Amino acid sequence: MVTKEEVMKIAILSKLYIAEDEIDKLTEDMGEIISFADTINNAADEGGEFDNINNLSNVLREDEVVPSLDREKILRNAKDSDDGCFLVKNIMK
């Protein structure tokens, strides 16, 4: 059971304003939501697997190694590089 105090605490933590005349209805609604969640949590499962109930298969393509651009040619565009890598300015100081 959800109490009015809990609803108000959640509202304060969420920085939400709740009008005094809305608290009772909101408390009731939140109680129903939690009750529904409890019903779902307590639902029996027959131990069946739910991973592939629609018989879907992997639609992604296989990884394929293809030739890449020359590293030195790419690094010519870099403002700064070191040991074959781009150097990026740290902006988090």
PDB file of N, CA and C in Angstrom:
ATOM      1  N   MET A   1       0.832  -1.183   0.000  1.00  0.00           N
ATOM      2  CA  MET A   1       0.000   0.000   0.000  1.00  0.00           C
ATOM      3  C   MET A   1       0.881   1.253   0.000  1.00  0.00           C
ATOM      4  N   VAL A   2       0.587   2.149  -0.866  1.00  0.00           N
ATOM      5  CA  VAL A   2       1.326   3.394  -0.978  1.00  0.00           C
ATOM      6  C   VAL A   2       0.647   4.441  -0.103  1.00  0.00           C
ATOM      7  N   THR A   3       1.441   5.185   0.639  1.00  0.00           N
ATOM      8  CA  THR A   3       0.878   6.220   1.511  1.00  0.00           C
ATOM      9  C   THR A   3       1.054   7.605   0.876  1.00  0.00           C
ATOM     10  N   LYS A   4       0.281   8.543   1.395  1.00  0.00           N
ATOM     11  CA  LYS A   4       0.393   9.919   0.906  1.00  0.00           C
ATOM     12  C   LYS A   4       1.787  10.473   1.155  1.00  0.00           C
ATOM     13  N   GLU A   5       2.364  10.089   2.299  1.00  0.00           N
ATOM     14  CA  GLU A   5       3.703  10.563   2.641  1.00  0.00           C
ATOM     15  C   GLU A   5       4.729  10.073   1.624  1.00  0.00           C
ATOM     16  N   GLU A   6       4.586   8.825   1.190  1.00  0.00           N
ATOM     17  CA  GLU A   6       5.508   8.281   0.190  1.00  0.00           C
ATOM     18  C   GLU A   6       5.358   9.006  -1.150  1.00  0.00           C
ATOM     19  N   VAL A   7       4.135   9.299  -1.521  1.00  0.00           N
ATOM     20  CA  VAL A   7       3.886  10.037  -2.767  1.00  0.00           C
ATOM     21  C   VAL A   7       4.511  11.420  -2.682  1.00  0.00           C
ATOM     22  N   MET A   8       4.357  12.086  -1.564  1.00  0.00           N
ATOM     23  CA  MET A   8       4.932  13.416  -1.403  1.00  0.00           C
ATOM     24  C   MET A   8       6.460  13.357  -1.412  1.00  0.00           C
ATOM     25  N   LYS A   9       7.030  12.322  -0.787  1.00  0.00           N
ATOM     26  CA  LYS A   9       8.489  12.165  -0.778  1.00  0.00           C
ATOM     27  C   LYS A   9       9.008  11.959  -2.197  1.00  0.00           C
ATOM     28  N   ILE A  10       8.319  11.126  -2.961  1.00  0.00           N
ATOM     29  CA  ILE A  10       8.709  10.892  -4.359  1.00  0.00           C
ATOM     30  C   ILE A  10       8.592  12.180  -5.159  1.00  0.00           C
ATOM     31  N   ALA A  11       7.545  12.933  -4.918  1.00  0.00           N
ATOM     32  CA  ALA A  11       7.348  14.203  -5.628  1.00  0.00           C
ATOM     33  C   ALA A  11       8.483  15.174  -5.305  1.00  0.00           C
ATOM     34  N   ILE A  12       8.864  15.247  -4.052  1.00  0.00           N
ATOM     35  CA  ILE A  12       9.956  16.148  -3.659  1.00  0.00           C
ATOM     36  C   ILE A  12      11.261  15.711  -4.299  1.00  0.00           C
ATOM     37  N   LEU A  13      11.557  14.400  -4.249  1.00  0.00           N
ATOM     38  CA  LEU A  13      12.787  13.893  -4.866  1.00  0.00           C
ATOM     39  C   LEU A  13      12.802  14.120  -6.372  1.00  0.00           C
ATOM     40  N   SER A  14      11.614  14.055  -6.985  1.00  0.00           N
ATOM     41  CA  SER A  14      11.495  14.258  -8.432  1.00  0.00           C
ATOM     42  C   SER A  14      11.355  15.728  -8.797  1.00  0.00           C
ATOM     43  N   LYS A  15      11.268  16.568  -7.776  1.00  0.00           N
ATOM     44  CA  LYS A  15      11.087  18.015  -7.976  1.00  0.00           C
ATOM     45  C   LYS A  15       9.815  18.308  -8.776  1.00  0.00           C
ATOM     46  N   LEU A  16       8.751  17.590  -8.392  1.00  0.00           N
ATOM     47  CA  LEU A  16       7.446  17.773  -9.017  1.00  0.00           C
ATOM     48  C   LEU A  16       6.491  18.425  -8.027  1.00  0.00           C
ATOM     49  N   TYR A  17       5.651  19.297  -8.535  1.00  0.00           N
ATOM     50  CA  TYR A  17       4.630  19.913  -7.698  1.00  0.00           C
ATOM     51  C   TYR A  17       3.356  19.084  -7.808  1.00  0.00           C
ATOM     52  N   ILE A  18       2.768  18.778  -6.672  1.00  0.00           N
ATOM     53  CA  ILE A  18       1.487  18.068  -6.647  1.00  0.00           C
ATOM     54  C   ILE A  18       0.511  18.921  -5.854  1.00  0.00           C
ATOM     55  N   ALA A  19      -0.593  19.254  -6.484  1.00  0.00           N
ATOM     56  CA  ALA A  19      -1.624  20.033  -5.799  1.00  0.00           C
ATOM     57  C   ALA A  19      -2.257  19.179  -4.704  1.00  0.00           C
ATOM     58  N   GLU A  20      -2.667  19.821  -3.648  1.00  0.00           N
ATOM     59  CA  GLU A  20      -3.249  19.125  -2.492  1.00  0.00           C
ATOM     60  C   GLU A  20      -4.446  18.259  -2.893  1.00  0.00           C
ATOM     61  N   ASP A  21      -5.259  18.735  -3.834  1.00  0.00           N
ATOM     62  CA  ASP A  21      -6.445  17.978  -4.235  1.00  0.00           C
ATOM     63  C   ASP A  21      -6.120  16.804  -5.160  1.00  0.00           C
ATOM     64  N   GLU A  22      -4.865  16.667  -5.598  1.00  0.00           N
ATOM     65  CA  GLU A  22      -4.471  15.565  -6.481  1.00  0.00           C
ATOM     66  C   GLU A  22      -3.792  14.416  -5.735  1.00  0.00           C
ATOM     67  N   ILE A  23      -3.435  14.633  -4.489  1.00  0.00           N
ATOM     68  CA  ILE A  23      -2.656  13.640  -3.748  1.00  0.00           C
ATOM     69  C   ILE A  23      -3.409  12.327  -3.565  1.00  0.00           C
ATOM     70  N   ASP A  24      -4.693  12.393  -3.191  1.00  0.00           N
ATOM     71  CA  ASP A  24      -5.461  11.162  -2.965  1.00  0.00           C
ATOM     72  C   ASP A  24      -5.547  10.315  -4.234  1.00  0.00           C
ATOM     73  N   LYS A  25      -5.859  10.939  -5.352  1.00  0.00           N
ATOM     74  CA  LYS A  25      -5.992  10.211  -6.616  1.00  0.00           C
ATOM     75  C   LYS A  25      -4.635   9.640  -7.039  1.00  0.00           C
ATOM     76  N   LEU A  26      -3.573  10.430  -6.886  1.00  0.00           N
ATOM     77  CA  LEU A  26      -2.243   9.964  -7.261  1.00  0.00           C
ATOM     78  C   LEU A  26      -1.795   8.800  -6.381  1.00  0.00           C
ATOM     79  N   THR A  27      -2.115   8.865  -5.104  1.00  0.00           N
ATOM     80  CA  THR A  27      -1.783   7.770  -4.186  1.00  0.00           C
ATOM     81  C   THR A  27      -2.503   6.490  -4.606  1.00  0.00           C
ATOM     82  N   GLU A  28      -3.763   6.612  -4.942  1.00  0.00           N
ATOM     83  CA  GLU A  28      -4.549   5.457  -5.406  1.00  0.00           C
ATOM     84  C   GLU A  28      -3.965   4.885  -6.705  1.00  0.00           C
ATOM     85  N   ASP A  29      -3.651   5.767  -7.646  1.00  0.00           N
ATOM     86  CA  ASP A  29      -3.092   5.324  -8.927  1.00  0.00           C
ATOM     87  C   ASP A  29      -1.753   4.608  -8.745  1.00  0.00           C
ATOM     88  N   MET A  30      -0.887   5.173  -7.904  1.00  0.00           N
ATOM     89  CA  MET A  30       0.411   4.537  -7.670  1.00  0.00           C
ATOM     90  C   MET A  30       0.248   3.183  -6.997  1.00  0.00           C
ATOM     91  N   GLY A  31      -0.717   3.073  -6.111  1.00  0.00           N
ATOM     92  CA  GLY A  31      -0.995   1.785  -5.470  1.00  0.00           C
ATOM     93  C   GLY A  31      -1.432   0.745  -6.491  1.00  0.00           C
ATOM     94  N   GLU A  32      -2.264   1.154  -7.445  1.00  0.00           N
ATOM     95  CA  GLU A  32      -2.712   0.234  -8.501  1.00  0.00           C
ATOM     96  C   GLU A  32      -1.551  -0.193  -9.393  1.00  0.00           C
ATOM     97  N   ILE A  33      -0.659   0.738  -9.702  1.00  0.00           N
ATOM     98  CA  ILE A  33       0.502   0.408 -10.539  1.00  0.00           C
ATOM     99  C   ILE A  33       1.396  -0.601  -9.827  1.00  0.00           C
ATOM    100  N   ILE A  34       1.650  -0.377  -8.555  1.00  0.00           N
ATOM    101  CA  ILE A  34       2.495  -1.307  -7.798  1.00  0.00           C
ATOM    102  C   ILE A  34       1.816  -2.653  -7.655  1.00  0.00           C
ATOM    103  N   SER A  35       0.515  -2.658  -7.438  1.00  0.00           N
ATOM    104  CA  SER A  35      -0.228  -3.906  -7.358  1.00  0.00           C
ATOM    105  C   SER A  35      -0.144  -4.685  -8.665  1.00  0.00           C
ATOM    106  N   PHE A  36      -0.250  -3.976  -9.789  1.00  0.00           N
ATOM    107  CA  PHE A  36      -0.143  -4.630 -11.094  1.00  0.00           C
ATOM    108  C   PHE A  36       1.254  -5.206 -11.290  1.00  0.00           C
ATOM    109  N   ALA A  37       2.277  -4.456 -10.888  1.00  0.00           N
ATOM    110  CA  ALA A  37       3.652  -4.944 -11.002  1.00  0.00           C
ATOM    111  C   ALA A  37       3.848  -6.188 -10.147  1.00  0.00           C
ATOM    112  N   ASP A  38       3.259  -6.215  -8.946  1.00  0.00           N
ATOM    113  CA  ASP A  38       3.342  -7.403  -8.093  1.00  0.00           C
ATOM    114  C   ASP A  38       2.656  -8.594  -8.746  1.00  0.00           C
ATOM    115  N   THR A  39       1.526  -8.355  -9.401  1.00  0.00           N
ATOM    116  CA  THR A  39       0.814  -9.428 -10.095  1.00  0.00           C
ATOM    117  C   THR A  39       1.700 -10.035 -11.178  1.00  0.00           C
ATOM    118  N   ILE A  40       2.361  -9.178 -11.933  1.00  0.00           N
ATOM    119  CA  ILE A  40       3.254  -9.669 -12.994  1.00  0.00           C
ATOM    120  C   ILE A  40       4.432 -10.436 -12.391  1.00  0.00           C
ATOM    121  N   ASN A  41       5.015  -9.900 -11.315  1.00  0.00           N
ATOM    122  CA  ASN A  41       6.147 -10.575 -10.677  1.00  0.00           C
ATOM    123  C   ASN A  41       5.766 -11.947 -10.134  1.00  0.00           C
ATOM    124  N   ASN A  42       4.533 -12.105  -9.702  1.00  0.00           N
ATOM    125  CA  ASN A  42       4.094 -13.368  -9.113  1.00  0.00           C
ATOM    126  C   ASN A  42       3.491 -14.333 -10.135  1.00  0.00           C
ATOM    127  N   ALA A  43       3.441 -13.932 -11.391  1.00  0.00           N
ATOM    128  CA  ALA A  43       2.876 -14.803 -12.419  1.00  0.00           C
ATOM    129  C   ALA A  43       3.740 -16.059 -12.556  1.00  0.00           C
ATOM    130  N   ALA A  44       3.070 -17.178 -12.692  1.00  0.00           N
ATOM    131  CA  ALA A  44       3.783 -18.438 -12.819  1.00  0.00           C
ATOM    132  C   ALA A  44       4.351 -18.580 -14.218  1.00  0.00           C
ATOM    133  N   ASP A  45       5.572 -19.050 -14.277  1.00  0.00           N
ATOM    134  CA  ASP A  45       6.116 -19.403 -15.586  1.00  0.00           C
ATOM    135  C   ASP A  45       6.307 -20.909 -15.585  1.00  0.00           C
ATOM    136  N   GLU A  46       6.010 -21.506 -16.695  1.00  0.00           N
ATOM    137  CA  GLU A  46       6.076 -22.956 -16.790  1.00  0.00           C
ATOM    138  C   GLU A  46       7.480 -23.435 -17.115  1.00  0.00           C
ATOM    139  N   GLY A  47       8.453 -22.587 -16.952  1.00  0.00           N
ATOM    140  CA  GLY A  47       9.823 -22.981 -17.238  1.00  0.00           C
ATOM    141  C   GLY A  47      10.141 -22.959 -18.720  1.00  0.00           C
ATOM    142  N   GLY A  48       9.211 -22.482 -19.530  1.00  0.00           N
ATOM    143  CA  GLY A  48       9.461 -22.398 -20.961  1.00  0.00           C
ATOM    144  C   GLY A  48      10.417 -21.268 -21.272  1.00  0.00           C
ATOM    145  N   GLU A  49      11.035 -21.374 -22.426  1.00  0.00           N
ATOM    146  CA  GLU A  49      11.968 -20.328 -22.815  1.00  0.00           C
ATOM    147  C   GLU A  49      11.240 -19.266 -23.616  1.00  0.00           C
ATOM    148  N   PHE A  50      11.568 -18.020 -23.364  1.00  0.00           N
ATOM    149  CA  PHE A  50      10.935 -16.895 -24.025  1.00  0.00           C
ATOM    150  C   PHE A  50      11.870 -16.198 -25.001  1.00  0.00           C
ATOM    151  N   ASP A  51      13.060 -16.744 -25.190  1.00  0.00           N
ATOM    152  CA  ASP A  51      14.065 -16.058 -25.999  1.00  0.00           C
ATOM    153  C   ASP A  51      13.651 -15.881 -27.449  1.00  0.00           C
ATOM    154  N   ASN A  52      12.977 -16.845 -28.011  1.00  0.00           N
ATOM    155  CA  ASN A  52      12.719 -16.796 -29.447  1.00  0.00           C
ATOM    156  C   ASN A  52      11.279 -17.206 -29.739  1.00  0.00           C
ATOM    157  N   ILE A  53      10.340 -16.520 -29.125  1.00  0.00           N
ATOM    158  CA  ILE A  53       8.950 -16.926 -29.283  1.00  0.00           C
ATOM    159  C   ILE A  53       8.407 -16.641 -30.677  1.00  0.00           C
ATOM    160  N   ASN A  54       9.072 -15.752 -31.436  1.00  0.00           N
ATOM    161  CA  ASN A  54       8.611 -15.435 -32.785  1.00  0.00           C
ATOM    162  C   ASN A  54       9.435 -16.113 -33.868  1.00  0.00           C
ATOM    163  N   ASN A  55      10.312 -17.018 -33.476  1.00  0.00           N
ATOM    164  CA  ASN A  55      11.178 -17.745 -34.406  1.00  0.00           C
ATOM    165  C   ASN A  55      11.984 -16.802 -35.300  1.00  0.00           C
ATOM    166  N   LEU A  56      12.508 -15.743 -34.705  1.00  0.00           N
ATOM    167  CA  LEU A  56      13.332 -14.809 -35.451  1.00  0.00           C
ATOM    168  C   LEU A  56      14.771 -15.297 -35.481  1.00  0.00           C
ATOM    169  N   SER A  57      15.446 -14.966 -36.546  1.00  0.00           N
ATOM    170  CA  SER A  57      16.863 -15.322 -36.626  1.00  0.00           C
ATOM    171  C   SER A  57      17.667 -14.037 -36.690  1.00  0.00           C
ATOM    172  N   ASN A  58      18.960 -14.159 -36.521  1.00  0.00           N
ATOM    173  CA  ASN A  58      19.838 -13.008 -36.549  1.00  0.00           C
ATOM    174  C   ASN A  58      19.779 -12.357 -37.923  1.00  0.00           C
ATOM    175  N   VAL A  59      19.394 -11.094 -37.965  1.00  0.00           N
ATOM    176  CA  VAL A  59      19.273 -10.407 -39.244  1.00  0.00           C
ATOM    177  C   VAL A  59      20.505  -9.559 -39.559  1.00  0.00           C
ATOM    178  N   LEU A  60      21.492  -9.616 -38.669  1.00  0.00           N
ATOM    179  CA  LEU A  60      22.715  -8.862 -38.899  1.00  0.00           C
ATOM    180  C   LEU A  60      23.661  -9.665 -39.783  1.00  0.00           C
ATOM    181  N   ARG A  61      24.439  -8.954 -40.562  1.00  0.00           N
ATOM    182  CA  ARG A  61      25.385  -9.643 -41.436  1.00  0.00           C
ATOM    183  C   ARG A  61      26.605 -10.084 -40.637  1.00  0.00           C
ATOM    184  N   GLU A  62      27.309 -11.038 -41.151  1.00  0.00           N
ATOM    185  CA  GLU A  62      28.548 -11.489 -40.536  1.00  0.00           C
ATOM    186  C   GLU A  62      29.615 -10.421 -40.714  1.00  0.00           C
ATOM    187  N   ASP A  63      30.521 -10.310 -39.749  1.00  0.00           N
ATOM    188  CA  ASP A  63      31.645  -9.394 -39.893  1.00  0.00           C
ATOM    189  C   ASP A  63      32.534  -9.877 -41.018  1.00  0.00           C
ATOM    190  N   GLU A  64      33.015  -8.933 -41.781  1.00  0.00           N
ATOM    191  CA  GLU A  64      33.864  -9.276 -42.919  1.00  0.00           C
ATOM    192  C   GLU A  64      35.063  -8.338 -42.919  1.00  0.00           C
ATOM    193  N   VAL A  65      36.253  -8.901 -42.967  1.00  0.00           N
ATOM    194  CA  VAL A  65      37.470  -8.107 -43.004  1.00  0.00           C
ATOM    195  C   VAL A  65      37.667  -7.604 -44.427  1.00  0.00           C
ATOM    196  N   VAL A  66      37.820  -6.283 -44.550  1.00  0.00           N
ATOM    197  CA  VAL A  66      38.035  -5.682 -45.867  1.00  0.00           C
ATOM    198  C   VAL A  66      39.252  -4.773 -45.783  1.00  0.00           C
ATOM    199  N   PRO A  67      39.881  -4.501 -46.903  1.00  0.00           N
ATOM    200  CA  PRO A  67      41.046  -3.620 -46.879  1.00  0.00           C
ATOM    201  C   PRO A  67      40.652  -2.219 -46.397  1.00  0.00           C
ATOM    202  N   SER A  68      41.565  -1.592 -45.664  1.00  0.00           N
ATOM    203  CA  SER A  68      41.319  -0.267 -45.126  1.00  0.00           C
ATOM    204  C   SER A  68      42.233   0.737 -45.809  1.00  0.00           C
ATOM    205  N   LEU A  69      42.024   1.992 -45.498  1.00  0.00           N
ATOM    206  CA  LEU A  69      42.901   3.021 -46.023  1.00  0.00           C
ATOM    207  C   LEU A  69      44.256   2.958 -45.328  1.00  0.00           C
ATOM    208  N   ASP A  70      45.266   3.473 -45.960  1.00  0.00           N
ATOM    209  CA  ASP A  70      46.602   3.484 -45.405  1.00  0.00           C
ATOM    210  C   ASP A  70      46.642   4.404 -44.179  1.00  0.00           C
ATOM    211  N   ARG A  71      47.173   3.914 -43.078  1.00  0.00           N
ATOM    212  CA  ARG A  71      47.198   4.669 -41.839  1.00  0.00           C
ATOM    213  C   ARG A  71      47.966   5.980 -41.987  1.00  0.00           C
ATOM    214  N   GLU A  72      49.119   5.942 -42.631  1.00  0.00           N
ATOM    215  CA  GLU A  72      49.915   7.161 -42.792  1.00  0.00           C
ATOM    216  C   GLU A  72      49.162   8.209 -43.605  1.00  0.00           C
ATOM    217  N   LYS A  73      48.427   7.767 -44.602  1.00  0.00           N
ATOM    218  CA  LYS A  73      47.657   8.695 -45.431  1.00  0.00           C
ATOM    219  C   LYS A  73      46.549   9.361 -44.601  1.00  0.00           C
ATOM    220  N   ILE A  74      45.909   8.588 -43.752  1.00  0.00           N
ATOM    221  CA  ILE A  74      44.856   9.123 -42.893  1.00  0.00           C
ATOM    222  C   ILE A  74      45.430  10.108 -41.884  1.00  0.00           C
ATOM    223  N   LEU A  75      46.570   9.753 -41.281  1.00  0.00           N
ATOM    224  CA  LEU A  75      47.160  10.593 -40.244  1.00  0.00           C
ATOM    225  C   LEU A  75      47.721  11.902 -40.787  1.00  0.00           C
ATOM    226  N   ARG A  76      47.872  12.032 -42.090  1.00  0.00           N
ATOM    227  CA  ARG A  76      48.311  13.308 -42.670  1.00  0.00           C
ATOM    228  C   ARG A  76      47.282  14.411 -42.386  1.00  0.00           C
ATOM    229  N   ASN A  77      46.011  14.025 -42.178  1.00  0.00           N
ATOM    230  CA  ASN A  77      44.959  14.989 -41.885  1.00  0.00           C
ATOM    231  C   ASN A  77      44.886  15.361 -40.402  1.00  0.00           C
ATOM    232  N   ALA A  78      45.616  14.635 -39.560  1.00  0.00           N
ATOM    233  CA  ALA A  78      45.551  14.869 -38.123  1.00  0.00           C
ATOM    234  C   ALA A  78      46.364  16.090 -37.735  1.00  0.00           C
ATOM    235  N   LYS A  79      45.825  16.879 -36.834  1.00  0.00           N
ATOM    236  CA  LYS A  79      46.568  18.015 -36.313  1.00  0.00           C
ATOM    237  C   LYS A  79      47.764  17.504 -35.525  1.00  0.00           C
ATOM    238  N   ASP A  80      47.524  16.510 -34.662  1.00  0.00           N
ATOM    239  CA  ASP A  80      48.588  15.879 -33.880  1.00  0.00           C
ATOM    240  C   ASP A  80      48.405  14.372 -33.932  1.00  0.00           C
ATOM    241  N   SER A  81      49.529  13.649 -34.021  1.00  0.00           N
ATOM    242  CA  SER A  81      49.473  12.187 -33.974  1.00  0.00           C
ATOM    243  C   SER A  81      50.718  11.673 -33.268  1.00  0.00           C
ATOM    244  N   ASP A  82      50.602  10.455 -32.763  1.00  0.00           N
ATOM    245  CA  ASP A  82      51.724   9.829 -32.079  1.00  0.00           C
ATOM    246  C   ASP A  82      51.572   8.326 -32.185  1.00  0.00           C
ATOM    247  N   ASP A  83      52.621   7.671 -32.626  1.00  0.00           N
ATOM    248  CA  ASP A  83      52.668   6.209 -32.699  1.00  0.00           C
ATOM    249  C   ASP A  83      51.489   5.645 -33.488  1.00  0.00           C
ATOM    250  N   GLY A  84      51.133   6.305 -34.582  1.00  0.00           N
ATOM    251  CA  GLY A  84      50.082   5.815 -35.461  1.00  0.00           C
ATOM    252  C   GLY A  84      48.672   6.088 -34.976  1.00  0.00           C
ATOM    253  N   CYS A  85      48.517   6.983 -33.984  1.00  0.00           N
ATOM    254  CA  CYS A  85      47.198   7.283 -33.431  1.00  0.00           C
ATOM    255  C   CYS A  85      46.949   8.787 -33.454  1.00  0.00           C
ATOM    256  N   PHE A  86      45.674   9.178 -33.546  1.00  0.00           N
ATOM    257  CA  PHE A  86      45.300  10.575 -33.435  1.00  0.00           C
ATOM    258  C   PHE A  86      45.496  11.020 -31.988  1.00  0.00           C
ATOM    259  N   LEU A  87      46.036  12.200 -31.769  1.00  0.00           N
ATOM    260  CA  LEU A  87      46.095  12.790 -30.442  1.00  0.00           C
ATOM    261  C   LEU A  87      44.934  13.771 -30.334  1.00  0.00           C
ATOM    262  N   VAL A  88      44.188  13.658 -29.259  1.00  0.00           N
ATOM    263  CA  VAL A  88      43.019  14.497 -29.063  1.00  0.00           C
ATOM    264  C   VAL A  88      43.232  15.331 -27.815  1.00  0.00           C
ATOM    265  N   LYS A  89      42.943  16.606 -27.903  1.00  0.00           N
ATOM    266  CA  LYS A  89      43.113  17.522 -26.791  1.00  0.00           C
ATOM    267  C   LYS A  89      42.145  17.169 -25.673  1.00  0.00           C
ATOM    268  N   ASN A  90      42.659  17.114 -24.437  1.00  0.00           N
ATOM    269  CA  ASN A  90      41.821  16.830 -23.272  1.00  0.00           C
ATOM    270  C   ASN A  90      41.084  18.108 -22.882  1.00  0.00           C
ATOM    271  N   ILE A  91      39.773  18.094 -22.940  1.00  0.00           N
ATOM    272  CA  ILE A  91      38.991  19.284 -22.598  1.00  0.00           C
ATOM    273  C   ILE A  91      38.377  19.180 -21.217  1.00  0.00           C
ATOM    274  N   MET A  92      38.670  18.117 -20.496  1.00  0.00           N
ATOM    275  CA  MET A  92      38.042  17.881 -19.185  1.00  0.00           C
ATOM    276  C   MET A  92      38.888  18.413 -18.033  1.00  0.00           C
ATOM    277  N   LYS A  93      39.828  19.282 -18.281  1.00  0.00           N
ATOM    278  CA  LYS A  93      40.682  19.811 -17.204  1.00  0.00           C
ATOM    279  C   LYS A  93      39.994  20.914 -16.482  1.00  0.00           C
TER     280      LYS A  93
END
